[in-house]
PDB file of N, CA and C in Angstrom:
ATOM      1  N   MET A   1      78.996  91.143  31.037  1.00  0.00           N
ATOM      2  CA  MET A   1      78.060  90.108  30.952  1.00  0.00           C
ATOM      3  C   MET A   1      78.454  88.801  31.746  1.00  0.00           C
ATOM      4  N   GLY A   2      77.690  88.141  32.556  1.00  0.00           N
ATOM      5  CA  GLY A   2      77.893  86.985  33.098  1.00  0.00           C
ATOM      6  C   GLY A   2      77.693  85.787  32.387  1.00  0.00           C
ATOM      7  N   MET A   3      78.256  84.685  32.553  1.00  0.00           N
ATOM      8  CA  MET A   3      78.183  83.444  31.715  1.00  0.00           C
ATOM      9  C   MET A   3      76.552  83.010  31.672  1.00  0.00           C
ATOM     10  N   ASN A   4      75.672  83.104  32.851  1.00  0.00           N
ATOM     11  CA  ASN A   4      74.295  82.765  32.598  1.00  0.00           C
ATOM     12  C   ASN A   4      73.540  83.572  31.682  1.00  0.00           C
ATOM     13  N   HIS A   5      73.951  84.908  31.696  1.00  0.00           N
ATOM     14  CA  HIS A   5      73.279  85.954  30.909  1.00  0.00           C
ATOM     15  C   HIS A   5      73.690  85.689  29.454  1.00  0.00           C
ATOM     16  N   ARG A   6      74.907  85.639  29.244  1.00  0.00           N
ATOM     17  CA  ARG A   6      75.481  85.125  27.948  1.00  0.00           C
ATOM     18  C   ARG A   6      74.842  83.858  27.310  1.00  0.00           C
ATOM     19  N   ASN A   7      74.548  82.881  28.253  1.00  0.00           N
ATOM     20  CA  ASN A   7      74.057  81.531  27.699  1.00  0.00           C
ATOM     21  C   ASN A   7      72.505  81.890  27.316  1.00  0.00           C
ATOM     22  N   GLY A   8      71.915  82.584  28.428  1.00  0.00           N
ATOM     23  CA  GLY A   8      70.559  82.901  27.930  1.00  0.00           C
ATOM     24  C   GLY A   8      70.141  83.680  26.807  1.00  0.00           C
ATOM     25  N   LEU A   9      71.080  84.645  26.501  1.00  0.00           N
ATOM     26  CA  LEU A   9      70.897  85.491  25.170  1.00  0.00           C
ATOM     27  C   LEU A   9      71.405  84.729  24.026  1.00  0.00           C
ATOM     28  N   PHE A  10      72.349  84.094  23.871  1.00  0.00           N
ATOM     29  CA  PHE A  10      73.046  83.564  22.702  1.00  0.00           C
ATOM     30  C   PHE A  10      73.277  82.177  22.471  1.00  0.00           C
ATOM     31  N   ILE A  11      73.619  81.503  23.679  1.00  0.00           N
ATOM     32  CA  ILE A  11      73.788  80.069  23.471  1.00  0.00           C
ATOM     33  C   ILE A  11      72.410  79.236  23.266  1.00  0.00           C
ATOM     34  N   GLY A  12      71.519  79.543  24.335  1.00  0.00           N
ATOM     35  CA  GLY A  12      70.247  78.832  24.181  1.00  0.00           C
ATOM     36  C   GLY A  12      69.286  78.947  23.086  1.00  0.00           C
ATOM     37  N   PRO A  13      69.123  80.235  22.640  1.00  0.00           N
ATOM     38  CA  PRO A  13      68.309  80.352  21.459  1.00  0.00           C
ATOM     39  C   PRO A  13      68.908  79.974  20.206  1.00  0.00           C
ATOM     40  N   LEU A  14      70.073  79.828  20.073  1.00  0.00           N
ATOM     41  CA  LEU A  14      70.766  79.516  18.802  1.00  0.00           C
ATOM     42  C   LEU A  14      71.137  77.992  18.558  1.00  0.00           C
ATOM     43  N   ASN A  15      70.825  77.255  19.785  1.00  0.00           N
ATOM     44  CA  ASN A  15      71.334  76.008  19.763  1.00  0.00           C
ATOM     45  C   ASN A  15      70.136  74.993  20.390  1.00  0.00           C
ATOM     46  N   PRO A  16      69.567  74.189  19.195  1.00  0.00           N
ATOM     47  CA  PRO A  16      68.514  73.431  19.854  1.00  0.00           C
ATOM     48  C   PRO A  16      68.750  72.422  20.929  1.00  0.00           C
ATOM     49  N   ARG A  17      67.957  72.207  21.726  1.00  0.00           N
ATOM     50  CA  ARG A  17      68.268  71.402  22.856  1.00  0.00           C
ATOM     51  C   ARG A  17      68.471  69.982  22.513  1.00  0.00           C
ATOM     52  N   HIS A  18      67.929  69.418  21.421  1.00  0.00           N
ATOM     53  CA  HIS A  18      68.332  68.172  20.986  1.00  0.00           C
ATOM     54  C   HIS A  18      69.622  68.046  20.448  1.00  0.00           C
ATOM     55  N   ARG A  19      70.474  68.991  20.222  1.00  0.00           N
ATOM     56  CA  ARG A  19      71.775  68.755  19.795  1.00  0.00           C
ATOM     57  C   ARG A  19      72.920  68.883  21.061  1.00  0.00           C
ATOM     58  N   TYR A  20      72.430  69.169  22.330  1.00  0.00           N
ATOM     59  CA  TYR A  20      73.236  69.233  23.607  1.00  0.00           C
ATOM     60  C   TYR A  20      74.162  67.981  23.758  1.00  0.00           C
ATOM     61  N   PRO A  21      73.629  66.899  23.447  1.00  0.00           N
ATOM     62  CA  PRO A  21      74.453  65.675  23.940  1.00  0.00           C
ATOM     63  C   PRO A  21      75.515  65.604  22.850  1.00  0.00           C
ATOM     64  N   ASP A  22      75.498  66.111  21.557  1.00  0.00           N
ATOM     65  CA  ASP A  22      76.540  66.071  20.753  1.00  0.00           C
ATOM     66  C   ASP A  22      77.606  67.066  21.027  1.00  0.00           C
ATOM     67  N   VAL A  23      77.346  68.138  21.539  1.00  0.00           N
ATOM     68  CA  VAL A  23      78.357  68.956  22.026  1.00  0.00           C
ATOM     69  C   VAL A  23      78.875  68.840  23.262  1.00  0.00           C
ATOM     70  N   ASP A  24      78.079  67.892  24.130  1.00  0.00           N
ATOM     71  CA  ASP A  24      78.646  67.628  25.378  1.00  0.00           C
ATOM     72  C   ASP A  24      79.633  66.405  25.230  1.00  0.00           C
ATOM     73  N   ASN A  25      79.679  65.942  24.126  1.00  0.00           N
ATOM     74  CA  ASN A  25      80.856  64.900  23.699  1.00  0.00           C
ATOM     75  C   ASN A  25      81.946  65.455  23.208  1.00  0.00           C
ATOM     76  N   LYS A  26      83.026  65.505  23.815  1.00  0.00           N
ATOM     77  CA  LYS A  26      84.158  66.176  23.278  1.00  0.00           C
ATOM     78  C   LYS A  26      84.733  65.642  21.997  1.00  0.00           C
ATOM     79  N   ARG A  27      84.936  64.369  21.871  1.00  0.00           N
ATOM     80  CA  ARG A  27      85.316  63.669  20.726  1.00  0.00           C
ATOM     81  C   ARG A  27      84.521  63.739  19.636  1.00  0.00           C
ATOM     82  N   LEU A  28      83.061  63.875  19.700  1.00  0.00           N
ATOM     83  CA  LEU A  28      82.171  64.094  18.782  1.00  0.00           C
ATOM     84  C   LEU A  28      82.251  65.486  18.231  1.00  0.00           C
ATOM     85  N   THR A  29      82.299  66.350  19.131  1.00  0.00           N
ATOM     86  CA  THR A  29      82.363  67.872  18.839  1.00  0.00           C
ATOM     87  C   THR A  29      83.787  68.162  17.832  1.00  0.00           C
ATOM     88  N   LYS A  30      84.836  67.372  18.331  1.00  0.00           N
ATOM     89  CA  LYS A  30      86.131  67.648  17.553  1.00  0.00           C
ATOM     90  C   LYS A  30      85.825  67.089  16.098  1.00  0.00           C
ATOM     91  N   ALA A  31      85.104  66.137  16.050  1.00  0.00           N
ATOM     92  CA  ALA A  31      84.979  65.554  14.659  1.00  0.00           C
ATOM     93  C   ALA A  31      84.207  66.507  13.890  1.00  0.00           C
ATOM     94  N   LEU A  32      83.044  66.957  14.503  1.00  0.00           N
ATOM     95  CA  LEU A  32      81.981  67.878  13.636  1.00  0.00           C
ATOM     96  C   LEU A  32      82.748  69.213  13.456  1.00  0.00           C
ATOM     97  N   ALA A  33      83.706  69.677  14.357  1.00  0.00           N
ATOM     98  CA  ALA A  33      84.407  70.919  14.053  1.00  0.00           C
ATOM     99  C   ALA A  33      85.326  70.570  12.901  1.00  0.00           C
ATOM    100  N   ALA A  34      85.982  69.370  12.826  1.00  0.00           N
ATOM    101  CA  ALA A  34      86.826  69.130  11.611  1.00  0.00           C
ATOM    102  C   ALA A  34      86.233  68.958  10.380  1.00  0.00           C
ATOM    103  N   ARG A  35      85.094  68.370  10.368  1.00  0.00           N
ATOM    104  CA  ARG A  35      84.350  68.337   9.141  1.00  0.00           C
ATOM    105  C   ARG A  35      83.994  69.629   8.556  1.00  0.00           C
ATOM    106  N   ALA A  36      83.718  70.588   9.712  1.00  0.00           N
ATOM    107  CA  ALA A  36      83.253  72.101   9.322  1.00  0.00           C
ATOM    108  C   ALA A  36      84.471  72.824   8.758  1.00  0.00           C
ATOM    109  N   GLY A  37      85.681  72.220   8.863  1.00  0.00           N
ATOM    110  CA  GLY A  37      86.925  73.037   8.531  1.00  0.00           C
ATOM    111  C   GLY A  37      87.502  73.921   9.691  1.00  0.00           C
ATOM    112  N   ILE A  38      86.768  73.764  10.849  1.00  0.00           N
ATOM    113  CA  ILE A  38      87.131  74.503  12.138  1.00  0.00           C
ATOM    114  C   ILE A  38      88.397  73.741  12.691  1.00  0.00           C
ATOM    115  N   PRO A  39      89.714  74.580  12.848  1.00  0.00           N
ATOM    116  CA  PRO A  39      90.779  74.037  13.266  1.00  0.00           C
ATOM    117  C   PRO A  39      90.734  73.452  14.695  1.00  0.00           C
ATOM    118  N   THR A  40      91.183  72.279  15.118  1.00  0.00           N
ATOM    119  CA  THR A  40      91.020  71.785  16.474  1.00  0.00           C
ATOM    120  C   THR A  40      92.606  71.383  16.988  1.00  0.00           C
ATOM    121  N   PRO A  41      92.845  71.462  18.113  1.00  0.00           N
ATOM    122  CA  PRO A  41      94.164  70.842  18.562  1.00  0.00           C
ATOM    123  C   PRO A  41      94.447  69.304  18.231  1.00  0.00           C
ATOM    124  N   GLU A  42      95.504  68.813  18.179  1.00  0.00           N
ATOM    125  CA  GLU A  42      95.843  67.397  17.788  1.00  0.00           C
ATOM    126  C   GLU A  42      95.313  66.524  19.024  1.00  0.00           C
ATOM    127  N   LEU A  43      94.721  65.416  18.762  1.00  0.00           N
ATOM    128  CA  LEU A  43      94.314  64.498  20.026  1.00  0.00           C
ATOM    129  C   LEU A  43      95.538  63.486  19.942  1.00  0.00           C
ATOM    130  N   TYR A  44      96.152  63.437  21.230  1.00  0.00           N
ATOM    131  CA  TYR A  44      97.116  62.548  21.353  1.00  0.00           C
ATOM    132  C   TYR A  44      96.727  61.083  21.904  1.00  0.00           C
ATOM    133  N   ALA A  45      95.663  60.959  22.570  1.00  0.00           N
ATOM    134  CA  ALA A  45      95.111  60.027  23.172  1.00  0.00           C
ATOM    135  C   ALA A  45      93.817  60.006  23.955  1.00  0.00           C
ATOM    136  N   VAL A  46      93.182  59.011  23.975  1.00  0.00           N
ATOM    137  CA  VAL A  46      91.854  59.088  24.812  1.00  0.00           C
ATOM    138  C   VAL A  46      92.045  57.943  25.786  1.00  0.00           C
ATOM    139  N   VAL A  47      91.947  58.306  26.990  1.00  0.00           N
ATOM    140  CA  VAL A  47      92.048  57.102  28.063  1.00  0.00           C
ATOM    141  C   VAL A  47      90.565  56.878  28.717  1.00  0.00           C
ATOM    142  N   GLY A  48      89.987  55.926  28.321  1.00  0.00           N
ATOM    143  CA  GLY A  48      88.534  55.839  28.687  1.00  0.00           C
ATOM    144  C   GLY A  48      88.188  55.008  30.047  1.00  0.00           C
ATOM    145  N   THR A  49      89.422  54.416  30.577  1.00  0.00           N
ATOM    146  CA  THR A  49      89.163  53.826  31.689  1.00  0.00           C
ATOM    147  C   THR A  49      90.387  54.056  32.878  1.00  0.00           C
ATOM    148  N   ASN A  50      89.937  53.938  34.098  1.00  0.00           N
ATOM    149  CA  ASN A  50      91.017  54.228  35.088  1.00  0.00           C
ATOM    150  C   ASN A  50      92.323  53.146  34.826  1.00  0.00           C
ATOM    151  N   HIS A  51      92.076  52.001  34.458  1.00  0.00           N
ATOM    152  CA  HIS A  51      93.038  50.959  34.139  1.00  0.00           C
ATOM    153  C   HIS A  51      93.947  51.500  33.240  1.00  0.00           C
ATOM    154  N   ARG A  52      93.627  52.394  32.208  1.00  0.00           N
ATOM    155  CA  ARG A  52      94.355  52.686  31.103  1.00  0.00           C
ATOM    156  C   ARG A  52      95.213  53.920  31.569  1.00  0.00           C
ATOM    157  N   LEU A  53      95.090  54.460  32.719  1.00  0.00           N
ATOM    158  CA  LEU A  53      96.031  55.558  33.254  1.00  0.00           C
ATOM    159  C   LEU A  53      97.473  55.053  33.338  1.00  0.00           C
ATOM    160  N   ARG A  54      97.576  54.012  33.558  1.00  0.00           N
ATOM    161  CA  ARG A  54      98.985  53.543  33.627  1.00  0.00           C
ATOM    162  C   ARG A  54      99.827  53.545  32.378  1.00  0.00           C
ATOM    163  N   GLU A  55      98.944  53.896  31.325  1.00  0.00           N
ATOM    164  CA  GLU A  55      99.759  53.869  29.846  1.00  0.00           C
ATOM    165  C   GLU A  55     100.029  55.301  29.619  1.00  0.00           C
ATOM    166  N   VAL A  56      99.574  56.168  30.180  1.00  0.00           N
ATOM    167  CA  VAL A  56      99.726  57.694  30.051  1.00  0.00           C
ATOM    168  C   VAL A  56     101.333  58.152  29.822  1.00  0.00           C
ATOM    169  N   PRO A  57     102.031  57.539  30.596  1.00  0.00           N
ATOM    170  CA  PRO A  57     103.602  57.853  30.543  1.00  0.00           C
ATOM    171  C   PRO A  57     104.118  57.580  29.188  1.00  0.00           C
ATOM    172  N   ALA A  58     103.753  56.449  28.578  1.00  0.00           N
ATOM    173  CA  ALA A  58     104.080  55.922  27.232  1.00  0.00           C
ATOM    174  C   ALA A  58     103.536  56.855  26.299  1.00  0.00           C
ATOM    175  N   LEU A  59     102.265  57.335  26.354  1.00  0.00           N
ATOM    176  CA  LEU A  59     101.476  58.053  25.417  1.00  0.00           C
ATOM    177  C   LEU A  59     101.987  59.287  25.248  1.00  0.00           C
ATOM    178  N   VAL A  60     102.635  60.054  26.119  1.00  0.00           N
ATOM    179  CA  VAL A  60     103.091  61.290  26.104  1.00  0.00           C
ATOM    180  C   VAL A  60     104.560  61.513  26.163  1.00  0.00           C
ATOM    181  N   ALA A  61     105.412  60.342  26.207  1.00  0.00           N
ATOM    182  CA  ALA A  61     106.716  60.217  26.308  1.00  0.00           C
ATOM    183  C   ALA A  61     107.455  61.196  25.343  1.00  0.00           C
ATOM    184  N   GLU A  62     106.926  61.508  24.043  1.00  0.00           N
ATOM    185  CA  GLU A  62     107.422  62.333  23.220  1.00  0.00           C
ATOM    186  C   GLU A  62     107.015  63.735  23.044  1.00  0.00           C
ATOM    187  N   ARG A  63     106.135  64.045  24.023  1.00  0.00           N
ATOM    188  CA  ARG A  63     105.558  65.345  24.077  1.00  0.00           C
ATOM    189  C   ARG A  63     105.806  65.988  25.448  1.00  0.00           C
ATOM    190  N   PRO A  64     106.592  67.035  25.439  1.00  0.00           N
ATOM    191  CA  PRO A  64     107.077  67.518  26.890  1.00  0.00           C
ATOM    192  C   PRO A  64     105.798  68.316  27.403  1.00  0.00           C
ATOM    193  N   ALA A  65     105.057  69.027  26.602  1.00  0.00           N
ATOM    194  CA  ALA A  65     103.762  69.649  27.205  1.00  0.00           C
ATOM    195  C   ALA A  65     102.724  68.957  26.706  1.00  0.00           C
ATOM    196  N   PHE A  66     101.441  69.161  27.361  1.00  0.00           N
ATOM    197  CA  PHE A  66     100.278  68.563  27.009  1.00  0.00           C
ATOM    198  C   PHE A  66      99.286  69.074  27.764  1.00  0.00           C
ATOM    199  N   VAL A  67      97.940  68.824  27.404  1.00  0.00           N
ATOM    200  CA  VAL A  67      96.704  69.250  28.096  1.00  0.00           C
ATOM    201  C   VAL A  67      95.695  67.921  28.422  1.00  0.00           C
ATOM    202  N   VAL A  68      95.314  67.839  29.632  1.00  0.00           N
ATOM    203  CA  VAL A  68      94.460  66.832  30.013  1.00  0.00           C
ATOM    204  C   VAL A  68      93.039  67.401  30.044  1.00  0.00           C
ATOM    205  N   LYS A  69      92.037  66.974  29.381  1.00  0.00           N
ATOM    206  CA  LYS A  69      90.722  67.263  29.414  1.00  0.00           C
ATOM    207  C   LYS A  69      89.766  66.193  30.047  1.00  0.00           C
ATOM    208  N   PRO A  70      89.014  66.474  31.041  1.00  0.00           N
ATOM    209  CA  PRO A  70      88.201  65.456  31.381  1.00  0.00           C
ATOM    210  C   PRO A  70      87.100  65.498  30.546  1.00  0.00           C
ATOM    211  N   ALA A  71      86.337  64.071  30.334  1.00  0.00           N
ATOM    212  CA  ALA A  71      85.250  63.927  29.508  1.00  0.00           C
ATOM    213  C   ALA A  71      84.172  64.640  29.905  1.00  0.00           C
ATOM    214  N   ARG A  72      83.860  64.744  31.145  1.00  0.00           N
ATOM    215  CA  ARG A  72      82.814  65.433  31.667  1.00  0.00           C
ATOM    216  C   ARG A  72      82.917  66.792  32.258  1.00  0.00           C
ATOM    217  N   GLY A  73      84.115  67.536  31.928  1.00  0.00           N
ATOM    218  CA  GLY A  73      84.274  68.811  32.278  1.00  0.00           C
ATOM    219  C   GLY A  73      83.545  69.786  31.549  1.00  0.00           C
ATOM    220  N   ALA A  74      83.279  70.904  32.052  1.00  0.00           N
ATOM    221  CA  ALA A  74      82.731  72.036  31.460  1.00  0.00           C
ATOM    222  C   ALA A  74      83.273  73.355  31.983  1.00  0.00           C
ATOM    223  N   ALA A  75      83.108  74.300  30.976  1.00  0.00           N
ATOM    224  CA  ALA A  75      83.794  75.661  31.210  1.00  0.00           C
ATOM    225  C   ALA A  75      85.102  75.805  31.799  1.00  0.00           C
ATOM    226  N   GLY A  76      85.806  74.688  31.148  1.00  0.00           N
ATOM    227  CA  GLY A  76      87.299  74.741  31.557  1.00  0.00           C
ATOM    228  C   GLY A  76      87.631  74.149  33.112  1.00  0.00           C
ATOM    229  N   ASN A  77      86.512  73.585  33.641  1.00  0.00           N
ATOM    230  CA  ASN A  77      86.809  72.794  35.127  1.00  0.00           C
ATOM    231  C   ASN A  77      87.644  71.624  34.697  1.00  0.00           C
ATOM    232  N   GLY A  78      88.529  71.373  35.513  1.00  0.00           N
ATOM    233  CA  GLY A  78      89.181  69.835  35.468  1.00  0.00           C
ATOM    234  C   GLY A  78      90.401  69.925  34.457  1.00  0.00           C
ATOM    235  N   ILE A  79      90.612  70.830  33.571  1.00  0.00           N
ATOM    236  CA  ILE A  79      91.649  70.950  32.601  1.00  0.00           C
ATOM    237  C   ILE A  79      93.001  71.061  33.393  1.00  0.00           C
ATOM    238  N   VAL A  80      93.858  70.327  33.025  1.00  0.00           N
ATOM    239  CA  VAL A  80      95.303  70.388  33.458  1.00  0.00           C
ATOM    240  C   VAL A  80      96.154  70.555  32.274  1.00  0.00           C
ATOM    241  N   LEU A  81      96.917  71.608  32.697  1.00  0.00           N
ATOM    242  CA  LEU A  81      98.183  72.017  31.650  1.00  0.00           C
ATOM    243  C   LEU A  81      99.378  71.562  32.176  1.00  0.00           C
ATOM    244  N   VAL A  82     100.002  70.406  31.484  1.00  0.00           N
ATOM    245  CA  VAL A  82     101.224  69.888  31.987  1.00  0.00           C
ATOM    246  C   VAL A  82     102.452  70.406  31.129  1.00  0.00           C
ATOM    247  N   MET A  83     103.417  71.162  31.821  1.00  0.00           N
ATOM    248  CA  MET A  83     104.379  71.754  31.093  1.00  0.00           C
ATOM    249  C   MET A  83     105.442  70.890  30.845  1.00  0.00           C
ATOM    250  N   ASP A  84     105.825  69.986  31.772  1.00  0.00           N
ATOM    251  CA  ASP A  84     106.981  69.026  31.561  1.00  0.00           C
ATOM    252  C   ASP A  84     106.585  67.744  32.286  1.00  0.00           C
ATOM    253  N   HIS A  85     107.312  66.818  32.106  1.00  0.00           N
ATOM    254  CA  HIS A  85     107.186  65.464  32.920  1.00  0.00           C
ATOM    255  C   HIS A  85     108.369  64.745  32.686  1.00  0.00           C
ATOM    256  N   ASP A  86     108.725  63.898  33.803  1.00  0.00           N
ATOM    257  CA  ASP A  86     109.705  62.887  33.740  1.00  0.00           C
ATOM    258  C   ASP A  86     109.224  61.788  34.720  1.00  0.00           C
ATOM    259  N   ARG A  87     110.219  60.886  35.103  1.00  0.00           N
ATOM    260  CA  ARG A  87     109.997  59.793  35.866  1.00  0.00           C
ATOM    261  C   ARG A  87     109.434  60.274  37.278  1.00  0.00           C
ATOM    262  N   ALA A  88     109.828  61.508  37.781  1.00  0.00           N
ATOM    263  CA  ALA A  88     109.385  61.900  39.071  1.00  0.00           C
ATOM    264  C   ALA A  88     108.005  62.364  39.202  1.00  0.00           C
ATOM    265  N   GLY A  89     107.417  62.694  38.031  1.00  0.00           N
ATOM    266  CA  GLY A  89     106.057  63.192  37.853  1.00  0.00           C
ATOM    267  C   GLY A  89     105.872  64.305  36.856  1.00  0.00           C
ATOM    268  N   LEU A  90     104.830  64.955  37.202  1.00  0.00           N
ATOM    269  CA  LEU A  90     104.331  65.981  36.132  1.00  0.00           C
ATOM    270  C   LEU A  90     104.622  67.316  36.764  1.00  0.00           C
ATOM    271  N   THR A  91     104.960  68.418  35.804  1.00  0.00           N
ATOM    272  CA  THR A  91     105.071  69.749  36.280  1.00  0.00           C
ATOM    273  C   THR A  91     103.711  70.427  35.711  1.00  0.00           C
ATOM    274  N   LYS A  92     102.799  70.919  36.487  1.00  0.00           N
ATOM    275  CA  LYS A  92     101.732  71.718  35.874  1.00  0.00           C
ATOM    276  C   LYS A  92     102.059  73.159  35.676  1.00  0.00           C
ATOM    277  N   ALA A  93     101.434  73.795  34.918  1.00  0.00           N
ATOM    278  CA  ALA A  93     101.682  75.130  34.660  1.00  0.00           C
ATOM    279  C   ALA A  93     101.538  75.965  35.920  1.00  0.00           C
ATOM    280  N   SER A  94     100.694  75.556  37.023  1.00  0.00           N
ATOM    281  CA  SER A  94     100.724  76.252  38.231  1.00  0.00           C
ATOM    282  C   SER A  94     102.125  75.909  39.055  1.00  0.00           C
ATOM    283  N   GLY A  95     102.792  75.117  38.548  1.00  0.00           N
ATOM    284  CA  GLY A  95     104.012  74.547  39.460  1.00  0.00           C
ATOM    285  C   GLY A  95     103.764  73.336  40.169  1.00  0.00           C
TER     286      GLY A  95
END
């Protein structure tokens, strides 16, 4: 079954359209899941502006591996799995 077929059969009919903005917001979805008792990964930081990107090394200094999720990504697009990092840069899972 393809993604469009799955969405048409299961996702659309079971999820009212007016709730889409809630689930499109990753931080709100995480909070809703926590309130419902659904386990979610720990959130290390939210970088809301390009200017704050320079803070990332300090935010992840104690974490050898982490995941970066874009705010507007969907279906896994834009997710970066960082396996290690140092002053020279990041090592992604893909090398």
